Amino acid sequence: MKLGVLTVPLDSLPLKEALAIIRDMGAEACEIGCGGFPGKGHCNPDRLLADPAALAAFQQTVADSGLVISALSCHGNPIHPNKEKAAAYDHDLRQAVLLAEKIGVHQINTFSGCPGDCEGSRYPNWVVCPWPDDFLEILDYQWNQVLIPYWKAFVPFAEAHGVNKIAFEPHPGFCVYNPETVLKLRAAVGPQLGANLDPSHLLWQGIDPVAAIRALGEAIFHFHAKDTRIDPYNTAVNGVLDTKPYADEAGRSWIFRTVGYGSDTAKWKDILSALRLVGYDGAISIEHEDSLMSGREGLAKACAFLKDMIIREPRGEMFWA
């Protein structure tokens, strides 16, 4: 495994400076945003694909840092019911694939997307219960008429350009939000689809990340190191479904935290050991979204917390067996 960092929290800095900072924190890999919600602060595929000199400079900057790119991240909603928004996300996603081909990266991270409840919808509709029966009809439309057809058409394009791993971050608000939905879409489309597993989005749903890792197995293509702290008082009153702004930390049922500030050391050791158990040997990519500390401090604390925990060497022989 390699300690990695998603560079987006440092995108106000030049890429060279951001990479130097995370390298000095102990990182060995970087995950770079290149469209959609992560933005294009460090990597704009439209520009890089149109300008060979800019592309060469980008690649040289990464090479000089000594870091490897674990994945390009382009999280968006390419099946948004608003056709203009869907087209923009789809464009970014396809440009990410084309850039990945140019720089020799074979994986992109993204969201599955979420459509509306019918062809004429204006906004996505995330279904969280089976009754009244209207919701089951919505799910049937979303999965069979929109979600599966989109990704069935996208995978051949990605493979034609050398991208054979499309990693969905299971995230509430999108059709793929837990291990079951990851595996459902993978079964419908193919093994090119898998998970960019992020425990922070699982914890507040009541999912044990270790159990999720065991269930997903080889379908885990990438891993985000991010934590969640569940507020026992607010949750006892209102449950975990919470639409209050993330900035209302004191009023929410849960908030995102830097690793170690939501789950303890023992839990994170169990998570990393479970990843080794199922054969995952990729990046442990820190994603900072902790509103109680700055991006730089959050990344530094996460790196310090994880760097001695990560299992780096291949397994040794079981001489005792």
Protein backbone atom coordinates (compact mmCIF):
# COMPACT_ATOMS: atom_id res chain seq x y z
CA MET A 1 0.00 0.00 0.00
CA LYS A 2 1.03 3.62 -0.49
CA LEU A 3 0.05 6.66 1.53
CA GLY A 4 -1.67 9.08 -0.83
CA VAL A 5 -3.41 12.46 -0.78
CA LEU A 6 -6.18 13.95 -2.89
CA THR A 7 -4.67 17.32 -3.73
CA VAL A 8 -7.93 19.30 -4.01
CA PRO A 9 -7.67 21.00 -0.56
CA LEU A 10 -4.42 22.58 -1.76
CA ASP A 11 -5.63 23.64 -5.20
CA SER A 12 -5.13 27.33 -4.39
CA LEU A 13 -1.41 26.53 -4.60
CA PRO A 14 0.52 25.65 -7.77
CA LEU A 15 0.65 21.90 -8.33
CA LYS A 16 4.43 21.82 -7.77
CA GLU A 17 4.06 23.43 -4.35
CA ALA A 18 1.09 21.26 -3.37
CA LEU A 19 2.94 18.07 -4.27
CA ALA A 20 6.02 19.19 -2.34
CA ILE A 21 3.88 19.81 0.74
CA ILE A 22 2.21 16.40 0.70
CA ARG A 23 5.51 14.65 -0.09
CA ASP A 24 7.05 16.30 2.96
CA MET A 25 4.08 15.03 4.98
CA GLY A 26 5.06 11.49 4.04
CA ALA A 27 2.82 10.85 1.04
CA GLU A 28 3.97 8.54 -1.74
CA ALA A 29 1.01 8.97 -4.11
CA CYS A 30 -1.29 11.73 -5.26
CA GLU A 31 -4.87 11.68 -6.51
CA ILE A 32 -5.56 14.66 -8.74
CA GLY A 33 -8.93 16.26 -9.40
CA CYS A 34 -9.61 17.02 -13.04
CA GLY A 35 -13.26 18.00 -13.37
CA GLY A 36 -16.71 17.77 -11.88
CA PHE A 37 -17.02 18.54 -8.17
CA PRO A 38 -13.24 18.31 -7.46
CA GLY A 39 -12.65 21.08 -10.00
CA LYS A 40 -9.64 21.61 -12.26
CA GLY A 41 -7.36 23.70 -10.07
CA HIS A 42 -4.37 21.38 -10.54
CA CYS A 43 -5.35 19.65 -13.75
CA ASN A 44 -7.49 20.95 -16.60
CA PRO A 45 -7.77 18.21 -19.24
CA ASP A 46 -9.22 20.59 -21.83
CA ARG A 47 -6.05 22.68 -21.66
CA LEU A 48 -3.58 19.83 -21.28
CA LEU A 49 -5.01 17.84 -24.19
CA ALA A 50 -4.89 20.90 -26.44
CA ASP A 51 -1.37 22.00 -25.48
CA PRO A 52 1.45 19.40 -25.70
CA ALA A 53 3.88 21.71 -23.92
CA ALA A 54 1.48 22.18 -21.00
CA LEU A 55 0.92 18.41 -20.83
CA ALA A 56 4.66 17.76 -20.80
CA ALA A 57 5.12 20.33 -18.02
CA PHE A 58 2.33 18.73 -15.98
CA GLN A 59 3.92 15.29 -16.32
CA GLN A 60 7.35 16.64 -15.44
CA THR A 61 5.99 18.34 -12.33
CA VAL A 62 4.54 15.06 -11.11
CA ALA A 63 7.70 13.12 -12.00
CA ASP A 64 9.92 15.64 -10.21
CA SER A 65 7.81 15.31 -7.05
CA GLY A 66 8.66 11.63 -6.74
CA LEU A 67 4.96 10.82 -6.26
CA VAL A 68 2.91 8.43 -8.36
CA ILE A 69 -0.63 9.24 -9.51
CA SER A 70 -3.04 6.76 -7.94
CA ALA A 71 -6.03 7.97 -9.98
CA LEU A 72 -7.58 10.94 -11.71
CA SER A 73 -10.73 12.10 -9.95
CA CYS A 74 -13.68 13.51 -11.84
CA HIS A 75 -16.69 13.18 -9.57
CA GLY A 76 -19.91 14.38 -11.16
CA ASN A 77 -23.40 13.39 -12.23
CA PRO A 78 -23.33 12.52 -15.94
CA ILE A 79 -26.93 11.27 -15.77
CA HIS A 80 -28.31 14.44 -14.19
CA PRO A 81 -31.88 15.09 -15.41
CA ASN A 82 -30.83 18.59 -16.45
CA LYS A 83 -29.42 17.81 -19.89
CA GLU A 84 -26.94 20.70 -19.86
CA LYS A 85 -25.51 19.65 -16.50
CA ALA A 86 -25.37 16.02 -17.57
CA ALA A 87 -23.54 16.96 -20.77
CA ALA A 88 -20.99 19.04 -18.83
CA TYR A 89 -20.27 16.20 -16.38
CA ASP A 90 -20.09 13.70 -19.23
CA HIS A 91 -17.64 15.96 -21.08
CA ASP A 92 -15.39 16.22 -18.03
CA LEU A 93 -15.50 12.47 -17.51
CA ARG A 94 -14.55 11.70 -21.11
CA GLN A 95 -11.76 14.29 -21.04
CA ALA A 96 -10.47 12.66 -17.86
CA VAL A 97 -10.29 9.34 -19.70
CA LEU A 98 -8.45 10.91 -22.64
CA LEU A 99 -5.97 12.57 -20.29
CA ALA A 100 -5.48 9.34 -18.35
CA GLU A 101 -4.55 7.67 -21.63
CA LYS A 102 -1.94 10.36 -22.37
CA ILE A 103 -0.24 10.07 -18.98
CA GLY A 104 -0.47 6.29 -18.58
CA VAL A 105 -3.07 6.17 -15.80
CA HIS A 106 -5.57 3.34 -16.05
CA GLN A 107 -8.11 4.41 -13.45
CA ILE A 108 -10.54 7.23 -12.85
CA ASN A 109 -12.60 7.89 -9.72
CA THR A 110 -16.11 9.25 -10.00
CA PHE A 111 -19.73 8.96 -8.86
CA SER A 112 -22.34 6.70 -10.40
CA GLY A 113 -24.70 9.62 -10.87
CA CYS A 114 -28.39 9.89 -10.06
CA PRO A 115 -31.19 10.74 -12.52
CA GLY A 116 -34.59 12.22 -11.79
CA ASP A 117 -37.78 10.24 -11.41
CA CYS A 118 -38.78 10.48 -15.08
CA GLU A 119 -37.63 11.86 -18.42
CA GLY A 120 -39.01 15.33 -17.67
CA SER A 121 -37.42 15.77 -14.23
CA ARG A 122 -35.37 18.83 -13.33
CA TYR A 123 -33.52 17.50 -10.28
CA PRO A 124 -32.04 14.16 -9.16
CA ASN A 125 -34.24 11.97 -6.99
CA TRP A 126 -32.44 9.74 -4.50
CA VAL A 127 -34.75 6.96 -3.33
CA VAL A 128 -34.26 5.73 0.24
CA CYS A 129 -37.40 3.66 0.92
CA PRO A 130 -39.55 1.09 -0.95
CA TRP A 131 -43.00 2.40 -0.06
CA PRO A 132 -45.26 3.89 -1.32
CA ASP A 133 -44.77 1.80 -4.46
CA ASP A 134 -44.04 4.94 -6.49
CA PHE A 135 -40.45 4.74 -5.25
CA LEU A 136 -39.94 1.25 -6.64
CA GLU A 137 -41.17 2.50 -10.02
CA ILE A 138 -38.66 5.36 -9.81
CA LEU A 139 -35.84 2.92 -9.03
CA ASP A 140 -36.79 0.73 -11.97
CA TYR A 141 -36.68 3.75 -14.29
CA GLN A 142 -33.41 5.05 -12.87
CA TRP A 143 -31.50 1.78 -13.02
CA ASN A 144 -32.89 0.12 -16.14
CA GLN A 145 -33.54 3.08 -18.40
CA VAL A 146 -30.76 5.49 -17.38
CA LEU A 147 -27.97 4.26 -15.07
CA ILE A 148 -27.13 0.86 -16.56
CA PRO A 149 -27.43 1.99 -20.21
CA TYR A 150 -25.16 5.00 -19.58
CA TRP A 151 -22.35 2.98 -18.03
CA LYS A 152 -22.72 0.16 -20.55
CA ALA A 153 -22.06 2.73 -23.26
CA PHE A 154 -19.24 4.46 -21.35
CA VAL A 155 -17.12 1.41 -20.51
CA PRO A 156 -16.15 0.58 -24.14
CA PHE A 157 -15.08 4.20 -24.65
CA ALA A 158 -12.92 4.08 -21.51
CA GLU A 159 -11.36 0.73 -22.43
CA ALA A 160 -10.57 1.96 -25.93
CA HIS A 161 -8.42 4.62 -24.28
CA GLY A 162 -6.67 2.38 -21.78
CA VAL A 163 -8.87 3.03 -18.74
CA ASN A 164 -10.01 -0.34 -17.43
CA LYS A 165 -10.97 0.67 -13.91
CA ILE A 166 -13.82 3.06 -13.17
CA ALA A 167 -14.10 3.45 -9.40
CA PHE A 168 -17.38 4.72 -7.99
CA GLU A 169 -17.30 6.41 -4.61
CA PRO A 170 -20.36 5.00 -2.82
CA HIS A 171 -22.06 8.21 -1.78
CA PRO A 172 -25.60 8.94 -0.56
CA GLY A 173 -27.45 11.05 -3.08
CA PHE A 174 -26.31 8.83 -5.95
CA CYS A 175 -27.56 5.47 -7.18
CA VAL A 176 -24.40 3.75 -5.94
CA TYR A 177 -24.16 4.50 -2.21
CA ASN A 178 -23.28 1.23 -0.45
CA PRO A 179 -21.60 -2.14 -1.19
CA GLU A 180 -24.82 -3.70 -2.46
CA THR A 181 -25.35 -1.03 -5.11
CA VAL A 182 -21.68 -1.15 -6.16
CA LEU A 183 -21.98 -4.87 -6.78
CA LYS A 184 -25.39 -4.52 -8.44
CA LEU A 185 -24.09 -2.07 -11.06
CA ARG A 186 -20.87 -4.06 -11.52
CA ALA A 187 -22.91 -7.23 -12.17
CA ALA A 188 -25.09 -5.41 -14.70
CA VAL A 189 -22.23 -3.72 -16.61
CA GLY A 190 -18.96 -5.54 -16.04
CA PRO A 191 -15.77 -5.94 -13.96
CA GLN A 192 -14.43 -2.60 -15.22
CA LEU A 193 -16.65 -1.01 -12.55
CA GLY A 194 -15.66 -1.07 -8.91
CA ALA A 195 -15.42 1.04 -5.76
CA ASN A 196 -13.42 4.00 -4.59
CA LEU A 197 -14.30 3.06 -1.04
CA ASP A 198 -14.69 5.94 1.41
CA PRO A 199 -15.52 4.90 5.00
CA SER A 200 -16.84 8.35 5.89
CA HIS A 201 -19.95 7.85 3.74
CA LEU A 202 -20.52 4.38 5.13
CA LEU A 203 -20.16 5.11 8.84
CA TRP A 204 -23.12 7.44 9.19
CA GLN A 205 -25.32 4.97 7.31
CA GLY A 206 -24.55 2.37 9.99
CA ILE A 207 -22.24 0.36 7.72
CA ASP A 208 -19.12 -1.21 9.21
CA PRO A 209 -16.23 -0.37 6.83
CA VAL A 210 -14.52 -3.69 7.61
CA ALA A 211 -17.66 -5.64 6.67
CA ALA A 212 -17.99 -3.53 3.52
CA ILE A 213 -14.39 -4.31 2.54
CA ARG A 214 -14.98 -8.03 3.06
CA ALA A 215 -18.13 -7.87 0.93
CA LEU A 216 -16.55 -5.91 -1.93
CA GLY A 217 -13.25 -7.78 -2.15
CA GLU A 218 -11.66 -7.46 -5.59
CA ALA A 219 -14.20 -4.81 -6.56
CA ILE A 220 -12.23 -2.27 -4.46
CA PHE A 221 -10.14 -0.27 -6.95
CA HIS A 222 -9.18 2.69 -4.74
CA PHE A 223 -9.56 3.79 -1.13
CA HIS A 224 -10.27 7.18 0.44
CA ALA A 225 -9.03 7.76 3.98
CA LYS A 226 -11.68 9.99 5.54
CA ASP A 227 -13.54 9.74 8.81
CA THR A 228 -16.94 10.67 10.23
CA ARG A 229 -17.89 11.60 13.75
CA ILE A 230 -21.48 10.74 14.69
CA ASP A 231 -22.96 13.08 17.29
CA PRO A 232 -24.66 10.81 19.86
CA TYR A 233 -26.99 13.54 21.16
CA ASN A 234 -28.31 14.88 17.88
CA THR A 235 -28.58 11.38 16.41
CA ALA A 236 -30.54 10.17 19.44
CA VAL A 237 -33.12 12.86 18.69
CA ASN A 238 -33.17 13.09 14.89
CA GLY A 239 -31.47 9.96 13.50
CA VAL A 240 -28.75 10.04 10.86
CA LEU A 241 -30.62 11.49 7.87
CA ASP A 242 -29.59 15.13 8.06
CA THR A 243 -30.14 17.95 5.58
CA LYS A 244 -28.64 20.75 7.68
CA PRO A 245 -25.62 22.52 6.12
CA TYR A 246 -22.22 20.98 6.79
CA ALA A 247 -21.22 24.26 8.42
CA ASP A 248 -23.78 23.68 11.20
CA GLU A 249 -21.41 21.31 12.98
CA ALA A 250 -23.05 21.64 16.40
CA GLY A 251 -26.53 20.97 15.05
CA ARG A 252 -25.81 18.08 12.70
CA SER A 253 -26.14 14.37 13.46
CA TRP A 254 -22.69 13.75 11.96
CA ILE A 255 -19.80 15.59 10.36
CA PHE A 256 -16.78 14.57 8.31
CA ARG A 257 -13.52 14.40 10.25
CA THR A 258 -9.86 13.85 9.56
CA VAL A 259 -8.89 10.20 10.12
CA GLY A 260 -8.51 9.43 13.79
CA TYR A 261 -11.05 12.05 14.88
CA GLY A 262 -14.07 9.86 14.22
CA SER A 263 -12.81 6.29 14.63
CA ASP A 264 -9.94 5.21 16.84
CA THR A 265 -6.57 3.70 16.00
CA ALA A 266 -7.80 0.14 16.51
CA LYS A 267 -10.62 0.65 13.99
CA TRP A 268 -8.30 2.09 11.36
CA LYS A 269 -5.87 -0.79 11.86
CA ASP A 270 -8.77 -3.18 11.32
CA ILE A 271 -9.72 -1.31 8.13
CA LEU A 272 -6.19 -1.46 6.71
CA SER A 273 -5.83 -5.12 7.68
CA ALA A 274 -9.14 -5.94 5.98
CA LEU A 275 -7.88 -4.25 2.81
CA ARG A 276 -4.77 -6.45 2.91
CA LEU A 277 -6.95 -9.51 3.59
CA VAL A 278 -8.96 -9.00 0.37
CA GLY A 279 -5.85 -8.29 -1.68
CA TYR A 280 -6.00 -4.51 -2.00
CA ASP A 281 -2.53 -3.03 -2.38
CA GLY A 282 -3.23 0.42 -3.81
CA ALA A 283 -3.27 3.93 -2.42
CA ILE A 284 -4.70 4.92 0.93
CA SER A 285 -5.67 8.34 -0.39
CA ILE A 286 -6.45 10.96 2.24
CA GLU A 287 -9.43 13.16 1.42
CA HIS A 288 -9.71 16.21 3.66
CA GLU A 289 -13.24 17.50 4.30
CA ASP A 290 -12.97 18.30 8.00
CA SER A 291 -14.62 21.68 8.62
CA LEU A 292 -13.00 22.01 12.06
CA MET A 293 -9.47 22.38 10.71
CA SER A 294 -7.64 23.78 7.70
CA GLY A 295 -6.81 21.66 4.71
CA ARG A 296 -3.09 21.72 5.41
CA GLU A 297 -3.48 20.83 9.09
CA GLY A 298 -6.05 18.14 8.33
CA LEU A 299 -3.81 16.51 5.75
CA ALA A 300 -0.78 16.70 8.04
CA LYS A 301 -2.64 15.08 10.94
CA ALA A 302 -4.03 12.35 8.67
CA CYS A 303 -0.60 11.58 7.22
CA ALA A 304 0.94 11.42 10.70
CA PHE A 305 -1.88 9.15 11.89
CA LEU A 306 -1.68 6.71 8.98
CA LYS A 307 1.92 6.57 7.82
CA ASP A 308 3.09 4.07 10.44
CA MET A 309 -0.14 2.06 10.15
CA ILE A 310 -0.06 1.34 6.43
CA ILE A 311 1.10 -2.14 5.47
CA ARG A 312 3.71 -1.52 2.78
CA GLU A 313 5.76 -4.69 2.35
CA PRO A 314 4.54 -7.88 0.65
CA ARG A 315 3.38 -10.62 2.97
CA GLY A 316 6.16 -12.71 4.46
CA GLU A 317 6.26 -16.47 4.56
CA MET A 318 4.22 -18.06 7.35
CA PHE A 319 7.23 -19.86 8.78
CA TRP A 320 5.21 -20.79 11.85
CA ALA A 321 2.57 -22.67 9.85
